[in-house]
Amino acid sequence: MTAERDLPVEETLTVSHTGTPVLSTPMMISLMERVAMTLVQERLSAGFTTVGYEVSVKHKAPARLGAVIRVWCKLVEVDDRRLLFEVRVTEGDKTVGEGLHRRTIIRVTG
C-alpha cells in the first residue's frame, strides 16, 4: 500500500534562521507521519488508530518557501500491531528527505 500528498511549503512549515525560509526537519517528519497514519487509518476497525514510535530519516536537501513537495509513504512490513513505512519527501526529481517510520496500532480509549 502506498499514499502520497502534494502540498506547498507554507511559512508555518519553515524555519527562517537560514536566511531563506526552508522546510524544517520537524515539519517534514510531521508530514511523513501524517501521510503514513492516514494510509492505514481507513482500514482499521472502529475504536483503533496508530501512533508513531520511531523515526529514522535524513533531511537531504532544502525545500524553499512556496515550493510544491510530494510526501510519499509505503507500508513495507506488518508484524502483529507494528507497522513499518518507507517515507520520502521530494520536490520534482530532488529528494528532500527519506527514511523509515514505525507505527503501532492501539485501541482508542474514551
PDB file of N, CA and C in Angstrom:
ATOM      1  N   MET A   1       0.849  -1.182   0.000  1.00  0.00           N
ATOM      2  CA  MET A   1       0.000   0.000   0.000  1.00  0.00           C
ATOM      3  C   MET A   1       0.892   1.240   0.000  1.00  0.00           C
ATOM      4  N   THR A   2       0.493   2.221  -0.773  1.00  0.00           N
ATOM      5  CA  THR A   2       1.212   3.486  -0.808  1.00  0.00           C
ATOM      6  C   THR A   2       0.222   4.638  -0.724  1.00  0.00           C
ATOM      7  N   ALA A   3       0.746   5.789  -0.346  1.00  0.00           N
ATOM      8  CA  ALA A   3      -0.039   7.026  -0.331  1.00  0.00           C
ATOM      9  C   ALA A   3       0.902   8.174  -0.613  1.00  0.00           C
ATOM     10  N   GLU A   4       0.346   9.244  -1.160  1.00  0.00           N
ATOM     11  CA  GLU A   4       1.140  10.444  -1.381  1.00  0.00           C
ATOM     12  C   GLU A   4       0.241  11.658  -1.294  1.00  0.00           C
ATOM     13  N   ARG A   5       0.879  12.762  -0.972  1.00  0.00           N
ATOM     14  CA  ARG A   5       0.147  14.025  -0.859  1.00  0.00           C
ATOM     15  C   ARG A   5       1.064  15.146  -1.348  1.00  0.00           C
ATOM     16  N   ASP A   6       0.550  15.974  -2.250  1.00  0.00           N
ATOM     17  CA  ASP A   6       1.287  17.140  -2.739  1.00  0.00           C
ATOM     18  C   ASP A   6       0.815  18.366  -1.978  1.00  0.00           C
ATOM     19  N   LEU A   7       1.762  19.187  -1.554  1.00  0.00           N
ATOM     20  CA  LEU A   7       1.379  20.420  -0.863  1.00  0.00           C
ATOM     21  C   LEU A   7       2.476  21.459  -0.970  1.00  0.00           C
ATOM     22  N   PRO A   8       2.082  22.720  -0.867  1.00  0.00           N
ATOM     23  CA  PRO A   8       3.080  23.790  -0.926  1.00  0.00           C
ATOM     24  C   PRO A   8       3.782  23.942   0.417  1.00  0.00           C
ATOM     25  N   VAL A   9       5.016  24.367   0.364  1.00  0.00           N
ATOM     26  CA  VAL A   9       5.740  24.685   1.592  1.00  0.00           C
ATOM     27  C   VAL A   9       5.278  26.080   2.017  1.00  0.00           C
ATOM     28  N   GLU A  10       4.458  26.111   3.059  1.00  0.00           N
ATOM     29  CA  GLU A  10       3.935  27.367   3.588  1.00  0.00           C
ATOM     30  C   GLU A  10       4.828  27.848   4.726  1.00  0.00           C
ATOM     31  N   GLU A  11       4.669  29.102   5.082  1.00  0.00           N
ATOM     32  CA  GLU A  11       5.503  29.716   6.116  1.00  0.00           C
ATOM     33  C   GLU A  11       5.474  28.938   7.431  1.00  0.00           C
ATOM     34  N   THR A  12       4.312  28.374   7.780  1.00  0.00           N
ATOM     35  CA  THR A  12       4.194  27.633   9.045  1.00  0.00           C
ATOM     36  C   THR A  12       5.017  26.351   9.057  1.00  0.00           C
ATOM     37  N   LEU A  13       5.509  25.913   7.906  1.00  0.00           N
ATOM     38  CA  LEU A  13       6.322  24.699   7.802  1.00  0.00           C
ATOM     39  C   LEU A  13       7.819  24.989   7.754  1.00  0.00           C
ATOM     40  N   THR A  14       8.189  26.259   7.835  1.00  0.00           N
ATOM     41  CA  THR A  14       9.582  26.633   7.591  1.00  0.00           C
ATOM     42  C   THR A  14      10.314  27.136   8.824  1.00  0.00           C
ATOM     43  N   VAL A  15      11.620  27.173   8.690  1.00  0.00           N
ATOM     44  CA  VAL A  15      12.495  27.903   9.607  1.00  0.00           C
ATOM     45  C   VAL A  15      13.112  29.016   8.787  1.00  0.00           C
ATOM     46  N   SER A  16      13.399  30.127   9.433  1.00  0.00           N
ATOM     47  CA  SER A  16      13.925  31.267   8.674  1.00  0.00           C
ATOM     48  C   SER A  16      15.323  31.679   9.110  1.00  0.00           C
ATOM     49  N   HIS A  17      15.887  31.030  10.114  1.00  0.00           N
ATOM     50  CA  HIS A  17      17.223  31.417  10.575  1.00  0.00           C
ATOM     51  C   HIS A  17      18.309  31.054   9.563  1.00  0.00           C
ATOM     52  N   THR A  18      17.922  30.403   8.476  1.00  0.00           N
ATOM     53  CA  THR A  18      18.858  30.025   7.429  1.00  0.00           C
ATOM     54  C   THR A  18      19.092  31.144   6.417  1.00  0.00           C
ATOM     55  N   GLY A  19      18.377  32.260   6.579  1.00  0.00           N
ATOM     56  CA  GLY A  19      18.479  33.361   5.628  1.00  0.00           C
ATOM     57  C   GLY A  19      17.361  33.316   4.613  1.00  0.00           C
ATOM     58  N   THR A  20      17.039  32.140   4.125  1.00  0.00           N
ATOM     59  CA  THR A  20      15.911  31.914   3.226  1.00  0.00           C
ATOM     60  C   THR A  20      15.014  30.884   3.895  1.00  0.00           C
ATOM     61  N   PRO A  21      13.720  31.152   4.015  1.00  0.00           N
ATOM     62  CA  PRO A  21      12.838  30.181   4.670  1.00  0.00           C
ATOM     63  C   PRO A  21      12.821  28.843   3.930  1.00  0.00           C
ATOM     64  N   VAL A  22      13.064  27.771   4.667  1.00  0.00           N
ATOM     65  CA  VAL A  22      13.061  26.419   4.111  1.00  0.00           C
ATOM     66  C   VAL A  22      12.266  25.485   5.018  1.00  0.00           C
ATOM     67  N   LEU A  23      11.800  24.379   4.448  1.00  0.00           N
ATOM     68  CA  LEU A  23      11.070  23.368   5.194  1.00  0.00           C
ATOM     69  C   LEU A  23      11.911  22.891   6.375  1.00  0.00           C
ATOM     70  N   SER A  24      11.331  22.936   7.568  1.00  0.00           N
ATOM     71  CA  SER A  24      12.063  22.487   8.752  1.00  0.00           C
ATOM     72  C   SER A  24      12.026  20.965   8.848  1.00  0.00           C
ATOM     73  N   THR A  25      13.038  20.399   9.479  1.00  0.00           N
ATOM     74  CA  THR A  25      13.100  18.958   9.655  1.00  0.00           C
ATOM     75  C   THR A  25      11.936  18.442  10.498  1.00  0.00           C
ATOM     76  N   PRO A  26      11.605  19.073  11.637  1.00  0.00           N
ATOM     77  CA  PRO A  26      10.453  18.570  12.406  1.00  0.00           C
ATOM     78  C   PRO A  26       9.143  18.592  11.617  1.00  0.00           C
ATOM     79  N   MET A  27       8.923  19.593  10.786  1.00  0.00           N
ATOM     80  CA  MET A  27       7.694  19.652   9.998  1.00  0.00           C
ATOM     81  C   MET A  27       7.709  18.609   8.885  1.00  0.00           C
ATOM     82  N   MET A  28       8.872  18.358   8.303  1.00  0.00           N
ATOM     83  CA  MET A  28       8.991  17.308   7.297  1.00  0.00           C
ATOM     84  C   MET A  28       8.616  15.961   7.915  1.00  0.00           C
ATOM     85  N   ILE A  29       9.126  15.686   9.099  1.00  0.00           N
ATOM     86  CA  ILE A  29       8.818  14.436   9.792  1.00  0.00           C
ATOM     87  C   ILE A  29       7.325  14.366  10.122  1.00  0.00           C
ATOM     88  N   SER A  30       6.765  15.463  10.567  1.00  0.00           N
ATOM     89  CA  SER A  30       5.334  15.501  10.882  1.00  0.00           C
ATOM     90  C   SER A  30       4.491  15.165   9.659  1.00  0.00           C
ATOM     91  N   LEU A  31       4.859  15.696   8.504  1.00  0.00           N
ATOM     92  CA  LEU A  31       4.123  15.413   7.269  1.00  0.00           C
ATOM     93  C   LEU A  31       4.249  13.940   6.885  1.00  0.00           C
ATOM     94  N   MET A  32       5.443  13.376   7.053  1.00  0.00           N
ATOM     95  CA  MET A  32       5.651  11.951   6.770  1.00  0.00           C
ATOM     96  C   MET A  32       4.756  11.097   7.664  1.00  0.00           C
ATOM     97  N   GLU A  33       4.731  11.431   8.952  1.00  0.00           N
ATOM     98  CA  GLU A  33       3.908  10.682   9.903  1.00  0.00           C
ATOM     99  C   GLU A  33       2.423  10.783   9.550  1.00  0.00           C
ATOM    100  N   ARG A  34       1.988  11.966   9.197  1.00  0.00           N
ATOM    101  CA  ARG A  34       0.573  12.194   8.887  1.00  0.00           C
ATOM    102  C   ARG A  34       0.117  11.371   7.679  1.00  0.00           C
ATOM    103  N   VAL A  35       0.939  11.323   6.641  1.00  0.00           N
ATOM    104  CA  VAL A  35       0.574  10.557   5.451  1.00  0.00           C
ATOM    105  C   VAL A  35       0.549   9.058   5.771  1.00  0.00           C
ATOM    106  N   ALA A  36       1.503   8.581   6.564  1.00  0.00           N
ATOM    107  CA  ALA A  36       1.516   7.166   6.959  1.00  0.00           C
ATOM    108  C   ALA A  36       0.284   6.828   7.796  1.00  0.00           C
ATOM    109  N   MET A  37      -0.054   7.677   8.755  1.00  0.00           N
ATOM    110  CA  MET A  37      -1.214   7.444   9.603  1.00  0.00           C
ATOM    111  C   MET A  37      -2.490   7.400   8.767  1.00  0.00           C
ATOM    112  N   THR A  38      -2.634   8.332   7.857  1.00  0.00           N
ATOM    113  CA  THR A  38      -3.829   8.405   7.010  1.00  0.00           C
ATOM    114  C   THR A  38      -3.958   7.165   6.123  1.00  0.00           C
ATOM    115  N   LEU A  39      -2.830   6.651   5.640  1.00  0.00           N
ATOM    116  CA  LEU A  39      -2.848   5.483   4.764  1.00  0.00           C
ATOM    117  C   LEU A  39      -3.534   4.295   5.425  1.00  0.00           C
ATOM    118  N   VAL A  40      -3.267   4.049   6.698  1.00  0.00           N
ATOM    119  CA  VAL A  40      -3.829   2.859   7.345  1.00  0.00           C
ATOM    120  C   VAL A  40      -5.098   3.136   8.137  1.00  0.00           C
ATOM    121  N   GLN A  41      -5.353   4.378   8.513  1.00  0.00           N
ATOM    122  CA  GLN A  41      -6.486   4.677   9.395  1.00  0.00           C
ATOM    123  C   GLN A  41      -7.821   4.177   8.843  1.00  0.00           C
ATOM    124  N   GLU A  42      -8.078   4.375   7.568  1.00  0.00           N
ATOM    125  CA  GLU A  42      -9.368   3.970   6.996  1.00  0.00           C
ATOM    126  C   GLU A  42      -9.527   2.455   6.935  1.00  0.00           C
ATOM    127  N   ARG A  43      -8.448   1.717   7.112  1.00  0.00           N
ATOM    128  CA  ARG A  43      -8.511   0.259   7.066  1.00  0.00           C
ATOM    129  C   ARG A  43      -8.629  -0.375   8.462  1.00  0.00           C
ATOM    130  N   LEU A  44      -8.578   0.453   9.499  1.00  0.00           N
ATOM    131  CA  LEU A  44      -8.671  -0.052  10.870  1.00  0.00           C
ATOM    132  C   LEU A  44     -10.119  -0.131  11.326  1.00  0.00           C
ATOM    133  N   SER A  45     -10.378  -1.051  12.221  1.00  0.00           N
ATOM    134  CA  SER A  45     -11.715  -1.162  12.811  1.00  0.00           C
ATOM    135  C   SER A  45     -11.996   0.065  13.665  1.00  0.00           C
ATOM    136  N   ALA A  46     -13.283   0.356  13.860  1.00  0.00           N
ATOM    137  CA  ALA A  46     -13.677   1.469  14.733  1.00  0.00           C
ATOM    138  C   ALA A  46     -13.064   1.254  16.108  1.00  0.00           C
ATOM    139  N   GLY A  47     -12.592   2.331  16.705  1.00  0.00           N
ATOM    140  CA  GLY A  47     -12.000   2.258  18.031  1.00  0.00           C
ATOM    141  C   GLY A  47     -10.500   2.028  18.029  1.00  0.00           C
ATOM    142  N   PHE A  48      -9.895   1.991  16.842  1.00  0.00           N
ATOM    143  CA  PHE A  48      -8.452   1.789  16.747  1.00  0.00           C
ATOM    144  C   PHE A  48      -7.816   2.920  15.942  1.00  0.00           C
ATOM    145  N   THR A  49      -6.562   3.200  16.238  1.00  0.00           N
ATOM    146  CA  THR A  49      -5.774   4.176  15.492  1.00  0.00           C
ATOM    147  C   THR A  49      -4.319   3.739  15.573  1.00  0.00           C
ATOM    148  N   THR A  50      -3.419   4.541  15.027  1.00  0.00           N
ATOM    149  CA  THR A  50      -1.995   4.245  15.124  1.00  0.00           C
ATOM    150  C   THR A  50      -1.270   5.416  15.762  1.00  0.00           C
ATOM    151  N   VAL A  51      -0.143   5.114  16.387  1.00  0.00           N
ATOM    152  CA  VAL A  51       0.741   6.145  16.919  1.00  0.00           C
ATOM    153  C   VAL A  51       2.159   5.823  16.465  1.00  0.00           C
ATOM    154  N   GLY A  52       2.904   6.872  16.175  1.00  0.00           N
ATOM    155  CA  GLY A  52       4.288   6.686  15.779  1.00  0.00           C
ATOM    156  C   GLY A  52       5.161   6.440  16.996  1.00  0.00           C
ATOM    157  N   TYR A  53       6.173   5.589  16.829  1.00  0.00           N
ATOM    158  CA  TYR A  53       7.106   5.353  17.927  1.00  0.00           C
ATOM    159  C   TYR A  53       8.569   5.348  17.501  1.00  0.00           C
ATOM    160  N   GLU A  54       8.826   5.453  16.204  1.00  0.00           N
ATOM    161  CA  GLU A  54      10.219   5.530  15.769  1.00  0.00           C
ATOM    162  C   GLU A  54      10.295   6.208  14.412  1.00  0.00           C
ATOM    163  N   VAL A  55      11.283   7.086  14.265  1.00  0.00           N
ATOM    164  CA  VAL A  55      11.524   7.770  13.003  1.00  0.00           C
ATOM    165  C   VAL A  55      13.026   7.759  12.751  1.00  0.00           C
ATOM    166  N   SER A  56      13.419   7.334  11.562  1.00  0.00           N
ATOM    167  CA  SER A  56      14.816   7.358  11.166  1.00  0.00           C
ATOM    168  C   SER A  56      14.876   7.917   9.749  1.00  0.00           C
ATOM    169  N   VAL A  57      15.078   9.228   9.657  1.00  0.00           N
ATOM    170  CA  VAL A  57      15.077   9.884   8.351  1.00  0.00           C
ATOM    171  C   VAL A  57      16.289  10.798   8.216  1.00  0.00           C
ATOM    172  N   LYS A  58      16.622  11.069   6.982  1.00  0.00           N
ATOM    173  CA  LYS A  58      17.669  12.042   6.664  1.00  0.00           C
ATOM    174  C   LYS A  58      17.027  13.180   5.890  1.00  0.00           C
ATOM    175  N   HIS A  59      17.311  14.397   6.316  1.00  0.00           N
ATOM    176  CA  HIS A  59      16.873  15.593   5.596  1.00  0.00           C
ATOM    177  C   HIS A  59      18.029  15.928   4.657  1.00  0.00           C
ATOM    178  N   LYS A  60      17.837  15.679   3.353  1.00  0.00           N
ATOM    179  CA  LYS A  60      18.937  15.684   2.403  1.00  0.00           C
ATOM    180  C   LYS A  60      19.091  16.959   1.585  1.00  0.00           C
ATOM    181  N   ALA A  61      18.003  17.733   1.459  1.00  0.00           N
ATOM    182  CA  ALA A  61      18.063  18.926   0.609  1.00  0.00           C
ATOM    183  C   ALA A  61      16.981  19.908   1.062  1.00  0.00           C
ATOM    184  N   PRO A  62      17.180  21.202   0.801  1.00  0.00           N
ATOM    185  CA  PRO A  62      16.178  22.179   1.207  1.00  0.00           C
ATOM    186  C   PRO A  62      14.973  22.189   0.266  1.00  0.00           C
ATOM    187  N   ALA A  63      13.848  22.576   0.820  1.00  0.00           N
ATOM    188  CA  ALA A  63      12.654  22.886   0.027  1.00  0.00           C
ATOM    189  C   ALA A  63      12.241  24.282   0.462  1.00  0.00           C
ATOM    190  N   ARG A  64      12.342  25.223  -0.420  1.00  0.00           N
ATOM    191  CA  ARG A  64      12.115  26.617  -0.089  1.00  0.00           C
ATOM    192  C   ARG A  64      10.638  26.970   0.025  1.00  0.00           C
ATOM    193  N   LEU A  65      10.371  28.042   0.722  1.00  0.00           N
ATOM    194  CA  LEU A  65       9.024  28.582   0.861  1.00  0.00           C
ATOM    195  C   LEU A  65       8.388  28.708  -0.519  1.00  0.00           C
ATOM    196  N   GLY A  66       7.173  28.174  -0.677  1.00  0.00           N
ATOM    197  CA  GLY A  66       6.458  28.238  -1.945  1.00  0.00           C
ATOM    198  C   GLY A  66       6.652  27.030  -2.849  1.00  0.00           C
ATOM    199  N   ALA A  67       7.671  26.222  -2.568  1.00  0.00           N
ATOM    200  CA  ALA A  67       7.888  25.013  -3.378  1.00  0.00           C
ATOM    201  C   ALA A  67       6.737  24.040  -3.164  1.00  0.00           C
ATOM    202  N   VAL A  68       6.458  23.225  -4.159  1.00  0.00           N
ATOM    203  CA  VAL A  68       5.458  22.161  -4.013  1.00  0.00           C
ATOM    204  C   VAL A  68       6.209  20.860  -3.783  1.00  0.00           C
ATOM    205  N   ILE A  69       5.916  20.228  -2.650  1.00  0.00           N
ATOM    206  CA  ILE A  69       6.579  18.977  -2.300  1.00  0.00           C
ATOM    207  C   ILE A  69       5.579  17.827  -2.378  1.00  0.00           C
ATOM    208  N   ARG A  70       6.108  16.640  -2.557  1.00  0.00           N
ATOM    209  CA  ARG A  70       5.293  15.417  -2.532  1.00  0.00           C
ATOM    210  C   ARG A  70       5.755  14.595  -1.329  1.00  0.00           C
ATOM    211  N   VAL A  71       4.804  14.283  -0.459  1.00  0.00           N
ATOM    212  CA  VAL A  71       5.072  13.429   0.696  1.00  0.00           C
ATOM    213  C   VAL A  71       4.524  12.056   0.344  1.00  0.00           C
ATOM    214  N   TRP A  72       5.379  11.047   0.387  1.00  0.00           N
ATOM    215  CA  TRP A  72       5.035   9.704  -0.073  1.00  0.00           C
ATOM    216  C   TRP A  72       5.370   8.692   1.011  1.00  0.00           C
ATOM    217  N   CYS A  73       4.557   7.662   1.136  1.00  0.00           N
ATOM    218  CA  CYS A  73       4.897   6.573   2.048  1.00  0.00           C
ATOM    219  C   CYS A  73       4.426   5.250   1.479  1.00  0.00           C
ATOM    220  N   LYS A  74       5.083   4.193   1.939  1.00  0.00           N
ATOM    221  CA  LYS A  74       4.734   2.832   1.539  1.00  0.00           C
ATOM    222  C   LYS A  74       4.786   1.947   2.778  1.00  0.00           C
ATOM    223  N   LEU A  75       3.725   1.194   3.003  1.00  0.00           N
ATOM    224  CA  LEU A  75       3.715   0.219   4.089  1.00  0.00           C
ATOM    225  C   LEU A  75       4.525  -0.981   3.610  1.00  0.00           C
ATOM    226  N   VAL A  76       5.643  -1.266   4.291  1.00  0.00           N
ATOM    227  CA  VAL A  76       6.536  -2.325   3.822  1.00  0.00           C
ATOM    228  C   VAL A  76       6.561  -3.548   4.734  1.00  0.00           C
ATOM    229  N   GLU A  77       6.034  -3.408   5.955  1.00  0.00           N
ATOM    230  CA  GLU A  77       6.051  -4.556   6.857  1.00  0.00           C
ATOM    231  C   GLU A  77       4.947  -4.427   7.896  1.00  0.00           C
ATOM    232  N   VAL A  78       4.299  -5.548   8.177  1.00  0.00           N
ATOM    233  CA  VAL A  78       3.304  -5.623   9.240  1.00  0.00           C
ATOM    234  C   VAL A  78       3.707  -6.775  10.145  1.00  0.00           C
ATOM    235  N   ASP A  79       3.901  -6.495  11.421  1.00  0.00           N
ATOM    236  CA  ASP A  79       4.259  -7.507  12.409  1.00  0.00           C
ATOM    237  C   ASP A  79       3.299  -7.358  13.581  1.00  0.00           C
ATOM    238  N   ASP A  80       2.206  -8.124  13.533  1.00  0.00           N
ATOM    239  CA  ASP A  80       1.144  -8.016  14.524  1.00  0.00           C
ATOM    240  C   ASP A  80       0.604  -6.590  14.492  1.00  0.00           C
ATOM    241  N   ARG A  81       0.803  -5.804  15.557  1.00  0.00           N
ATOM    242  CA  ARG A  81       0.300  -4.418  15.601  1.00  0.00           C
ATOM    243  C   ARG A  81       1.333  -3.408  15.117  1.00  0.00           C
ATOM    244  N   ARG A  82       2.546  -3.846  14.858  1.00  0.00           N
ATOM    245  CA  ARG A  82       3.622  -2.930  14.466  1.00  0.00           C
ATOM    246  C   ARG A  82       3.702  -2.806  12.946  1.00  0.00           C
ATOM    247  N   LEU A  83       3.810  -1.559  12.486  1.00  0.00           N
ATOM    248  CA  LEU A  83       3.831  -1.249  11.058  1.00  0.00           C
ATOM    249  C   LEU A  83       5.118  -0.511  10.716  1.00  0.00           C
ATOM    250  N   LEU A  84       5.730  -0.863   9.601  1.00  0.00           N
ATOM    251  CA  LEU A  84       6.934  -0.189   9.128  1.00  0.00           C
ATOM    252  C   LEU A  84       6.640   0.453   7.783  1.00  0.00           C
ATOM    253  N   PHE A  85       6.981   1.734   7.678  1.00  0.00           N
ATOM    254  CA  PHE A  85       6.753   2.502   6.459  1.00  0.00           C
ATOM    255  C   PHE A  85       8.073   3.018   5.905  1.00  0.00           C
ATOM    256  N   GLU A  86       8.207   2.997   4.596  1.00  0.00           N
ATOM    257  CA  GLU A  86       9.240   3.745   3.895  1.00  0.00           C
ATOM    258  C   GLU A  86       8.621   5.106   3.635  1.00  0.00           C
ATOM    259  N   VAL A  87       9.352   6.187   3.930  1.00  0.00           N
ATOM    260  CA  VAL A  87       8.815   7.539   3.752  1.00  0.00           C
ATOM    261  C   VAL A  87       9.783   8.376   2.921  1.00  0.00           C
ATOM    262  N   ARG A  88       9.203   9.326   2.171  1.00  0.00           N
ATOM    263  CA  ARG A  88      10.032  10.167   1.309  1.00  0.00           C
ATOM    264  C   ARG A  88       9.329  11.489   1.056  1.00  0.00           C
ATOM    265  N   VAL A  89      10.112  12.554   0.971  1.00  0.00           N
ATOM    266  CA  VAL A  89       9.622  13.855   0.530  1.00  0.00           C
ATOM    267  C   VAL A  89      10.480  14.267  -0.657  1.00  0.00           C
ATOM    268  N   THR A  90       9.799  14.647  -1.741  1.00  0.00           N
ATOM    269  CA  THR A  90      10.520  15.085  -2.935  1.00  0.00           C
ATOM    270  C   THR A  90       9.993  16.436  -3.392  1.00  0.00           C
ATOM    271  N   GLU A  91      10.822  17.103  -4.153  1.00  0.00           N
ATOM    272  CA  GLU A  91      10.426  18.322  -4.867  1.00  0.00           C
ATOM    273  C   GLU A  91      10.874  18.105  -6.306  1.00  0.00           C
ATOM    274  N   GLY A  92       9.936  17.737  -7.161  1.00  0.00           N
ATOM    275  CA  GLY A  92      10.307  17.349  -8.524  1.00  0.00           C
ATOM    276  C   GLY A  92      11.159  16.091  -8.451  1.00  0.00           C
ATOM    277  N   ASP A  93      12.339  16.123  -9.081  1.00  0.00           N
ATOM    278  CA  ASP A  93      13.250  14.984  -9.070  1.00  0.00           C
ATOM    279  C   ASP A  93      14.179  14.974  -7.859  1.00  0.00           C
ATOM    280  N   LYS A  94      14.134  16.021  -7.057  1.00  0.00           N
ATOM    281  CA  LYS A  94      15.039  16.155  -5.910  1.00  0.00           C
ATOM    282  C   LYS A  94      14.459  15.467  -4.676  1.00  0.00           C
ATOM    283  N   THR A  95      15.269  14.644  -4.011  1.00  0.00           N
ATOM    284  CA  THR A  95      14.865  14.037  -2.755  1.00  0.00           C
ATOM    285  C   THR A  95      15.185  15.005  -1.623  1.00  0.00           C
ATOM    286  N   VAL A  96      14.158  15.456  -0.941  1.00  0.00           N
ATOM    287  CA  VAL A  96      14.305  16.381   0.184  1.00  0.00           C
ATOM    288  C   VAL A  96      14.621  15.606   1.462  1.00  0.00           C
ATOM    289  N   GLY A  97      13.913  14.495   1.663  1.00  0.00           N
ATOM    290  CA  GLY A  97      14.147  13.665   2.834  1.00  0.00           C
ATOM    291  C   GLY A  97      13.641  12.265   2.590  1.00  0.00           C
ATOM    292  N   GLU A  98      14.231  11.289   3.306  1.00  0.00           N
ATOM    293  CA  GLU A  98      13.780   9.910   3.158  1.00  0.00           C
ATOM    294  C   GLU A  98      14.219   9.095   4.350  1.00  0.00           C
ATOM    295  N   GLY A  99      13.518   7.981   4.550  1.00  0.00           N
ATOM    296  CA  GLY A  99      13.884   7.099   5.643  1.00  0.00           C
ATOM    297  C   GLY A  99      12.784   6.122   5.978  1.00  0.00           C
ATOM    298  N   LEU A 100      12.746   5.742   7.260  1.00  0.00           N
ATOM    299  CA  LEU A 100      11.791   4.768   7.763  1.00  0.00           C
ATOM    300  C   LEU A 100      11.011   5.342   8.934  1.00  0.00           C
ATOM    301  N   HIS A 101       9.783   4.872   9.071  1.00  0.00           N
ATOM    302  CA  HIS A 101       8.911   5.325  10.164  1.00  0.00           C
ATOM    303  C   HIS A 101       8.133   4.112  10.668  1.00  0.00           C
ATOM    304  N   ARG A 102       8.088   3.955  11.991  1.00  0.00           N
ATOM    305  CA  ARG A 102       7.347   2.846  12.599  1.00  0.00           C
ATOM    306  C   ARG A 102       6.162   3.379  13.391  1.00  0.00           C
ATOM    307  N   ARG A 103       5.033   2.668  13.256  1.00  0.00           N
ATOM    308  CA  ARG A 103       3.819   2.995  13.986  1.00  0.00           C
ATOM    309  C   ARG A 103       3.276   1.716  14.606  1.00  0.00           C
ATOM    310  N   THR A 104       2.458   1.856  15.626  1.00  0.00           N
ATOM    311  CA  THR A 104       1.798   0.704  16.215  1.00  0.00           C
ATOM    312  C   THR A 104       0.300   0.984  16.327  1.00  0.00           C
ATOM    313  N   ILE A 105      -0.481  -0.059  16.199  1.00  0.00           N
ATOM    314  CA  ILE A 105      -1.935   0.049  16.289  1.00  0.00           C
ATOM    315  C   ILE A 105      -2.335  -0.008  17.771  1.00  0.00           C
ATOM    316  N   ILE A 106      -3.163   0.940  18.171  1.00  0.00           N
ATOM    317  CA  ILE A 106      -3.654   0.979  19.559  1.00  0.00           C
ATOM    318  C   ILE A 106      -5.166   1.102  19.572  1.00  0.00           C
ATOM    319  N   ARG A 107      -5.734   0.696  20.692  1.00  0.00           N
ATOM    320  CA  ARG A 107      -7.173   0.910  20.921  1.00  0.00           C
ATOM    321  C   ARG A 107      -7.341   2.305  21.481  1.00  0.00           C
ATOM    322  N   VAL A 108      -8.294   3.043  20.937  1.00  0.00           N
ATOM    323  CA  VAL A 108      -8.587   4.391  21.410  1.00  0.00           C
ATOM    324  C   VAL A 108      -9.513   4.261  22.617  1.00  0.00           C
ATOM    325  N   THR A 109      -9.148   4.921  23.712  1.00  0.00           N
ATOM    326  CA  THR A 109      -9.986   4.881  24.902  1.00  0.00           C
ATOM    327  C   THR A 109     -10.797   6.155  25.003  1.00  0.00           C
ATOM    328  N   GLY A 110     -11.889   6.073  25.678  1.00  0.00           N
ATOM    329  CA  GLY A 110     -12.651   7.297  25.888  1.00  0.00           C
ATOM    330  C   GLY A 110     -14.029   7.130  25.577  1.00  0.00           C
TER     331      GLY A 110
END
